[in-house]
PDB file of N, CA and C in Angstrom:
ATOM      1  N   GLY A   1     -45.883  -0.636 -12.838  1.00  0.00           N
ATOM      2  CA  GLY A   1     -44.760  -0.801 -13.777  1.00  0.00           C
ATOM      3  C   GLY A   1     -44.399  -2.182 -14.026  1.00  0.00           C
ATOM      4  N   ASP A   2     -43.423  -2.269 -14.708  1.00  0.00           N
ATOM      5  CA  ASP A   2     -42.857  -3.515 -15.172  1.00  0.00           C
ATOM      6  C   ASP A   2     -42.021  -4.071 -13.998  1.00  0.00           C
ATOM      7  N   VAL A   3     -42.496  -5.154 -13.247  1.00  0.00           N
ATOM      8  CA  VAL A   3     -41.866  -5.656 -12.092  1.00  0.00           C
ATOM      9  C   VAL A   3     -40.483  -6.355 -12.559  1.00  0.00           C
ATOM     10  N   THR A   4     -40.499  -7.128 -13.781  1.00  0.00           N
ATOM     11  CA  THR A   4     -39.392  -7.854 -14.231  1.00  0.00           C
ATOM     12  C   THR A   4     -38.220  -6.898 -14.552  1.00  0.00           C
ATOM     13  N   THR A   5     -38.538  -5.839 -15.153  1.00  0.00           N
ATOM     14  CA  THR A   5     -37.374  -4.875 -15.487  1.00  0.00           C
ATOM     15  C   THR A   5     -36.894  -4.166 -14.125  1.00  0.00           C
ATOM     16  N   LEU A   6     -37.698  -3.966 -13.287  1.00  0.00           N
ATOM     17  CA  LEU A   6     -37.453  -3.360 -12.060  1.00  0.00           C
ATOM     18  C   LEU A   6     -36.505  -4.259 -11.284  1.00  0.00           C
ATOM     19  N   ALA A   7     -36.920  -5.579 -11.265  1.00  0.00           N
ATOM     20  CA  ALA A   7     -36.137  -6.612 -10.559  1.00  0.00           C
ATOM     21  C   ALA A   7     -34.755  -6.715 -11.180  1.00  0.00           C
ATOM     22  N   SER A   8     -34.753  -6.671 -12.431  1.00  0.00           N
ATOM     23  CA  SER A   8     -33.501  -6.900 -13.216  1.00  0.00           C
ATOM     24  C   SER A   8     -32.432  -5.680 -12.856  1.00  0.00           C
ATOM     25  N   ALA A   9     -33.040  -4.474 -12.805  1.00  0.00           N
ATOM     26  CA  ALA A   9     -32.281  -3.190 -12.625  1.00  0.00           C
ATOM     27  C   ALA A   9     -31.715  -3.415 -11.183  1.00  0.00           C
ATOM     28  N   ILE A  10     -32.466  -3.774 -10.282  1.00  0.00           N
ATOM     29  CA  ILE A  10     -32.140  -3.820  -8.772  1.00  0.00           C
ATOM     30  C   ILE A  10     -31.056  -4.772  -8.744  1.00  0.00           C
ATOM     31  N   THR A  11     -31.157  -5.914  -9.388  1.00  0.00           N
ATOM     32  CA  THR A  11     -30.078  -6.972  -9.247  1.00  0.00           C
ATOM     33  C   THR A  11     -28.704  -6.544  -9.878  1.00  0.00           C
ATOM     34  N   ILE A  12     -28.816  -5.880 -11.015  1.00  0.00           N
ATOM     35  CA  ILE A  12     -27.555  -5.324 -11.579  1.00  0.00           C
ATOM     36  C   ILE A  12     -26.930  -4.180 -10.661  1.00  0.00           C
ATOM     37  N   ALA A  13     -27.856  -3.307 -10.165  1.00  0.00           N
ATOM     38  CA  ALA A  13     -27.340  -2.396  -9.165  1.00  0.00           C
ATOM     39  C   ALA A  13     -26.711  -3.052  -7.818  1.00  0.00           C
ATOM     40  N   PHE A  14     -27.341  -3.977  -7.357  1.00  0.00           N
ATOM     41  CA  PHE A  14     -26.672  -4.696  -6.228  1.00  0.00           C
ATOM     42  C   PHE A  14     -25.410  -5.422  -6.622  1.00  0.00           C
ATOM     43  N   LYS A  15     -25.329  -5.938  -7.770  1.00  0.00           N
ATOM     44  CA  LYS A  15     -24.078  -6.605  -8.166  1.00  0.00           C
ATOM     45  C   LYS A  15     -22.974  -5.605  -8.390  1.00  0.00           C
ATOM     46  N   THR A  16     -23.188  -4.555  -8.941  1.00  0.00           N
ATOM     47  CA  THR A  16     -22.315  -3.491  -9.242  1.00  0.00           C
ATOM     48  C   THR A  16     -21.713  -2.965  -7.911  1.00  0.00           C
ATOM     49  N   THR A  17     -22.676  -2.662  -6.960  1.00  0.00           N
ATOM     50  CA  THR A  17     -22.344  -2.292  -5.585  1.00  0.00           C
ATOM     51  C   THR A  17     -21.377  -3.206  -4.866  1.00  0.00           C
ATOM     52  N   VAL A  18     -21.643  -4.612  -4.966  1.00  0.00           N
ATOM     53  CA  VAL A  18     -20.847  -5.461  -4.457  1.00  0.00           C
ATOM     54  C   VAL A  18     -19.495  -5.574  -4.958  1.00  0.00           C
ATOM     55  N   ILE A  19     -19.414  -5.498  -6.342  1.00  0.00           N
ATOM     56  CA  ILE A  19     -18.165  -5.458  -6.986  1.00  0.00           C
ATOM     57  C   ILE A  19     -17.373  -4.155  -6.649  1.00  0.00           C
ATOM     58  N   GLY A  20     -18.027  -3.206  -6.585  1.00  0.00           N
ATOM     59  CA  GLY A  20     -17.232  -1.942  -6.171  1.00  0.00           C
ATOM     60  C   GLY A  20     -16.784  -1.885  -4.860  1.00  0.00           C
ATOM     61  N   ILE A  21     -17.580  -2.438  -3.857  1.00  0.00           N
ATOM     62  CA  ILE A  21     -17.098  -2.613  -2.451  1.00  0.00           C
ATOM     63  C   ILE A  21     -15.819  -3.631  -2.397  1.00  0.00           C
ATOM     64  N   GLY A  22     -16.036  -4.696  -3.280  1.00  0.00           N
ATOM     65  CA  GLY A  22     -15.006  -5.730  -3.147  1.00  0.00           C
ATOM     66  C   GLY A  22     -13.731  -5.046  -3.808  1.00  0.00           C
ATOM     67  N   SER A  23     -13.687  -4.421  -4.816  1.00  0.00           N
ATOM     68  CA  SER A  23     -12.440  -3.691  -5.472  1.00  0.00           C
ATOM     69  C   SER A  23     -11.989  -2.681  -4.674  1.00  0.00           C
ATOM     70  N   GLY A  24     -12.852  -1.941  -3.747  1.00  0.00           N
ATOM     71  CA  GLY A  24     -12.433  -0.887  -2.891  1.00  0.00           C
ATOM     72  C   GLY A  24     -11.551  -1.600  -1.821  1.00  0.00           C
ATOM     73  N   ALA A  25     -12.145  -2.677  -1.249  1.00  0.00           N
ATOM     74  CA  ALA A  25     -11.483  -3.531  -0.156  1.00  0.00           C
ATOM     75  C   ALA A  25      -9.958  -4.044  -0.554  1.00  0.00           C
ATOM     76  N   ILE A  26     -10.088  -4.526  -1.798  1.00  0.00           N
ATOM     77  CA  ILE A  26      -8.702  -4.989  -2.300  1.00  0.00           C
ATOM     78  C   ILE A  26      -7.723  -3.881  -2.531  1.00  0.00           C
ATOM     79  N   ALA A  27      -8.212  -2.752  -3.007  1.00  0.00           N
ATOM     80  CA  ALA A  27      -7.149  -1.509  -3.233  1.00  0.00           C
ATOM     81  C   ALA A  27      -6.642  -1.185  -1.779  1.00  0.00           C
ATOM     82  N   TYR A  28      -7.637  -1.108  -0.836  1.00  0.00           N
ATOM     83  CA  TYR A  28      -7.372  -0.684   0.532  1.00  0.00           C
ATOM     84  C   TYR A  28      -6.151  -1.646   1.293  1.00  0.00           C
ATOM     85  N   PHE A  29      -6.508  -2.942   0.981  1.00  0.00           N
ATOM     86  CA  PHE A  29      -5.381  -3.766   1.666  1.00  0.00           C
ATOM     87  C   PHE A  29      -4.064  -3.654   0.823  1.00  0.00           C
ATOM     88  N   ALA A  30      -4.170  -3.706  -0.518  1.00  0.00           N
ATOM     89  CA  ALA A  30      -3.059  -3.361  -1.163  1.00  0.00           C
ATOM     90  C   ALA A  30      -2.177  -2.192  -0.883  1.00  0.00           C
ATOM     91  N   SER A  31      -2.948  -1.151  -0.507  1.00  0.00           N
ATOM     92  CA  SER A  31      -2.160   0.074  -0.147  1.00  0.00           C
ATOM     93  C   SER A  31      -1.556   0.012   1.267  1.00  0.00           C
ATOM     94  N   LYS A  32      -2.235  -0.680   2.028  1.00  0.00           N
ATOM     95  CA  LYS A  32      -1.705  -1.093   3.443  1.00  0.00           C
ATOM     96  C   LYS A  32      -0.395  -1.891   3.348  1.00  0.00           C
ATOM     97  N   LEU A  33      -0.478  -2.899   2.464  1.00  0.00           N
ATOM     98  CA  LEU A  33       0.742  -3.666   2.265  1.00  0.00           C
ATOM     99  C   LEU A  33       1.847  -3.020   1.648  1.00  0.00           C
ATOM    100  N   ARG A  34       1.606  -2.196   0.607  1.00  0.00           N
ATOM    101  CA  ARG A  34       2.604  -1.350  -0.006  1.00  0.00           C
ATOM    102  C   ARG A  34       3.197  -0.400   1.056  1.00  0.00           C
ATOM    103  N   ARG A  35       2.453   0.284   1.800  1.00  0.00           N
ATOM    104  CA  ARG A  35       2.956   1.175   2.876  1.00  0.00           C
ATOM    105  C   ARG A  35       3.765   0.525   3.817  1.00  0.00           C
ATOM    106  N   ARG A  36       3.416  -0.731   4.120  1.00  0.00           N
ATOM    107  CA  ARG A  36       4.314  -1.493   5.138  1.00  0.00           C
ATOM    108  C   ARG A  36       5.655  -1.786   4.383  1.00  0.00           C
ATOM    109  N   TRP A  37       5.708  -2.177   3.155  1.00  0.00           N
ATOM    110  CA  TRP A  37       6.821  -2.490   2.320  1.00  0.00           C
ATOM    111  C   TRP A  37       7.647  -1.410   2.308  1.00  0.00           C
ATOM    112  N   PHE A  38       7.146  -0.187   2.015  1.00  0.00           N
ATOM    113  CA  PHE A  38       7.994   1.012   1.857  1.00  0.00           C
ATOM    114  C   PHE A  38       8.518   1.436   3.224  1.00  0.00           C
ATOM    115  N   GLY A  39       7.791   1.204   4.297  1.00  0.00           N
ATOM    116  CA  GLY A  39       8.164   1.616   5.629  1.00  0.00           C
ATOM    117  C   GLY A  39       9.463   0.727   5.960  1.00  0.00           C
ATOM    118  N   GLU A  40       9.310  -0.564   5.658  1.00  0.00           N
ATOM    119  CA  GLU A  40      10.511  -1.483   5.999  1.00  0.00           C
ATOM    120  C   GLU A  40      11.688  -1.072   5.118  1.00  0.00           C
ATOM    121  N   TYR A  41      11.419  -0.690   3.953  1.00  0.00           N
ATOM    122  CA  TYR A  41      12.561  -0.381   2.967  1.00  0.00           C
ATOM    123  C   TYR A  41      13.128   0.952   3.495  1.00  0.00           C
ATOM    124  N   LEU A  42      12.498   1.933   3.897  1.00  0.00           N
ATOM    125  CA  LEU A  42      12.992   3.108   4.431  1.00  0.00           C
ATOM    126  C   LEU A  42      13.813   2.978   5.670  1.00  0.00           C
ATOM    127  N   ALA A  43      13.186   2.078   6.433  1.00  0.00           N
ATOM    128  CA  ALA A  43      14.052   1.786   7.697  1.00  0.00           C
ATOM    129  C   ALA A  43      15.509   1.042   7.435  1.00  0.00           C
ATOM    130  N   ASN A  44      15.342   0.203   6.447  1.00  0.00           N
ATOM    131  CA  ASN A  44      16.614  -0.573   6.055  1.00  0.00           C
ATOM    132  C   ASN A  44      17.597   0.477   5.457  1.00  0.00           C
ATOM    133  N   LEU A  45      17.004   1.332   4.555  1.00  0.00           N
ATOM    134  CA  LEU A  45      17.869   2.364   3.866  1.00  0.00           C
ATOM    135  C   LEU A  45      18.440   3.290   4.965  1.00  0.00           C
ATOM    136  N   ASP A  46      17.704   3.701   5.945  1.00  0.00           N
ATOM    137  CA  ASP A  46      18.148   4.518   7.109  1.00  0.00           C
ATOM    138  C   ASP A  46      19.181   3.777   7.801  1.00  0.00           C
ATOM    139  N   ALA A  47      19.185   2.595   8.157  1.00  0.00           N
ATOM    140  CA  ALA A  47      20.112   1.807   8.847  1.00  0.00           C
ATOM    141  C   ALA A  47      21.559   1.783   8.070  1.00  0.00           C
ATOM    142  N   LEU A  48      21.261   1.482   6.813  1.00  0.00           N
ATOM    143  CA  LEU A  48      22.439   1.382   5.871  1.00  0.00           C
ATOM    144  C   LEU A  48      23.103   2.726   5.795  1.00  0.00           C
ATOM    145  N   MET A  49      22.496   3.755   5.615  1.00  0.00           N
ATOM    146  CA  MET A  49      23.137   5.073   5.565  1.00  0.00           C
ATOM    147  C   MET A  49      23.770   5.524   6.970  1.00  0.00           C
ATOM    148  N   ASP A  50      23.214   5.057   7.999  1.00  0.00           N
ATOM    149  CA  ASP A  50      23.896   5.332   9.349  1.00  0.00           C
ATOM    150  C   ASP A  50      25.240   4.568   9.264  1.00  0.00           C
ATOM    151  N   ALA A  51      25.126   3.305   9.043  1.00  0.00           N
ATOM    152  CA  ALA A  51      26.420   2.569   8.907  1.00  0.00           C
ATOM    153  C   ALA A  51      27.463   3.172   8.012  1.00  0.00           C
ATOM    154  N   ILE A  52      27.113   3.530   6.818  1.00  0.00           N
ATOM    155  CA  ILE A  52      28.031   4.201   5.986  1.00  0.00           C
ATOM    156  C   ILE A  52      28.613   5.533   6.499  1.00  0.00           C
ATOM    157  N   LEU A  53      27.847   6.210   6.980  1.00  0.00           N
ATOM    158  CA  LEU A  53      28.283   7.478   7.672  1.00  0.00           C
ATOM    159  C   LEU A  53      29.235   7.320   8.853  1.00  0.00           C
ATOM    160  N   ASP A  54      28.867   6.321   9.596  1.00  0.00           N
ATOM    161  CA  ASP A  54      29.783   5.976  10.719  1.00  0.00           C
ATOM    162  C   ASP A  54      31.134   5.403  10.213  1.00  0.00           C
ATOM    163  N   ASN A  55      31.116   4.587   9.194  1.00  0.00           N
ATOM    164  CA  ASN A  55      32.422   4.122   8.621  1.00  0.00           C
ATOM    165  C   ASN A  55      33.252   5.388   8.071  1.00  0.00           C
ATOM    166  N   ILE A  56      32.548   6.346   7.444  1.00  0.00           N
ATOM    167  CA  ILE A  56      33.167   7.470   6.978  1.00  0.00           C
ATOM    168  C   ILE A  56      33.838   8.320   8.069  1.00  0.00           C
ATOM    169  N   ASP A  57      33.039   8.514   9.140  1.00  0.00           N
ATOM    170  CA  ASP A  57      33.515   9.260  10.302  1.00  0.00           C
ATOM    171  C   ASP A  57      34.802   8.570  10.910  1.00  0.00           C
ATOM    172  N   LYS A  58      34.608   7.339  10.890  1.00  0.00           N
ATOM    173  CA  LYS A  58      35.899   6.518  11.612  1.00  0.00           C
ATOM    174  C   LYS A  58      37.126   6.645  10.749  1.00  0.00           C
ATOM    175  N   ARG A  59      36.897   6.600   9.456  1.00  0.00           N
ATOM    176  CA  ARG A  59      38.019   6.671   8.505  1.00  0.00           C
ATOM    177  C   ARG A  59      38.509   8.089   8.646  1.00  0.00           C
ATOM    178  N   ASP A  60      37.812   9.000   8.778  1.00  0.00           N
ATOM    179  CA  ASP A  60      38.304  10.441   8.756  1.00  0.00           C
ATOM    180  C   ASP A  60      39.147  10.787   9.967  1.00  0.00           C
ATOM    181  N   GLU A  61      38.593  10.012  11.148  1.00  0.00           N
ATOM    182  CA  GLU A  61      39.322  10.256  12.499  1.00  0.00           C
ATOM    183  C   GLU A  61      40.711   9.472  12.255  1.00  0.00           C
ATOM    184  N   ARG A  62      40.764   8.434  11.644  1.00  0.00           N
ATOM    185  CA  ARG A  62      42.028   7.624  11.574  1.00  0.00           C
ATOM    186  C   ARG A  62      43.093   8.416  10.715  1.00  0.00           C
ATOM    187  N   LEU A  63      42.526   9.245   9.908  1.00  0.00           N
ATOM    188  CA  LEU A  63      43.280   9.828   8.812  1.00  0.00           C
ATOM    189  C   LEU A  63      44.018  11.302   9.442  1.00  0.00           C
ATOM    190  N   LYS A  64      43.444  11.636  10.412  1.00  0.00           N
ATOM    191  CA  LYS A  64      43.971  12.847  11.363  1.00  0.00           C
ATOM    192  C   LYS A  64      45.110  12.687  11.868  1.00  0.00           C
TER     193      LYS A  64
END
């Protein structure tokens, strides 16, 4: 067959594979980063809610 066309097709296939792997890696690390951000956010939100509920409990005990 036509070796030039085959070489061109293989080059394109290799480049698209590399681009696909690269974009997959970027998406993976972005999701890991977002998961860490959301975990920290939820931990802070949990601590804030605990503090609010403790203050409400203390206020209710003082009013009794």
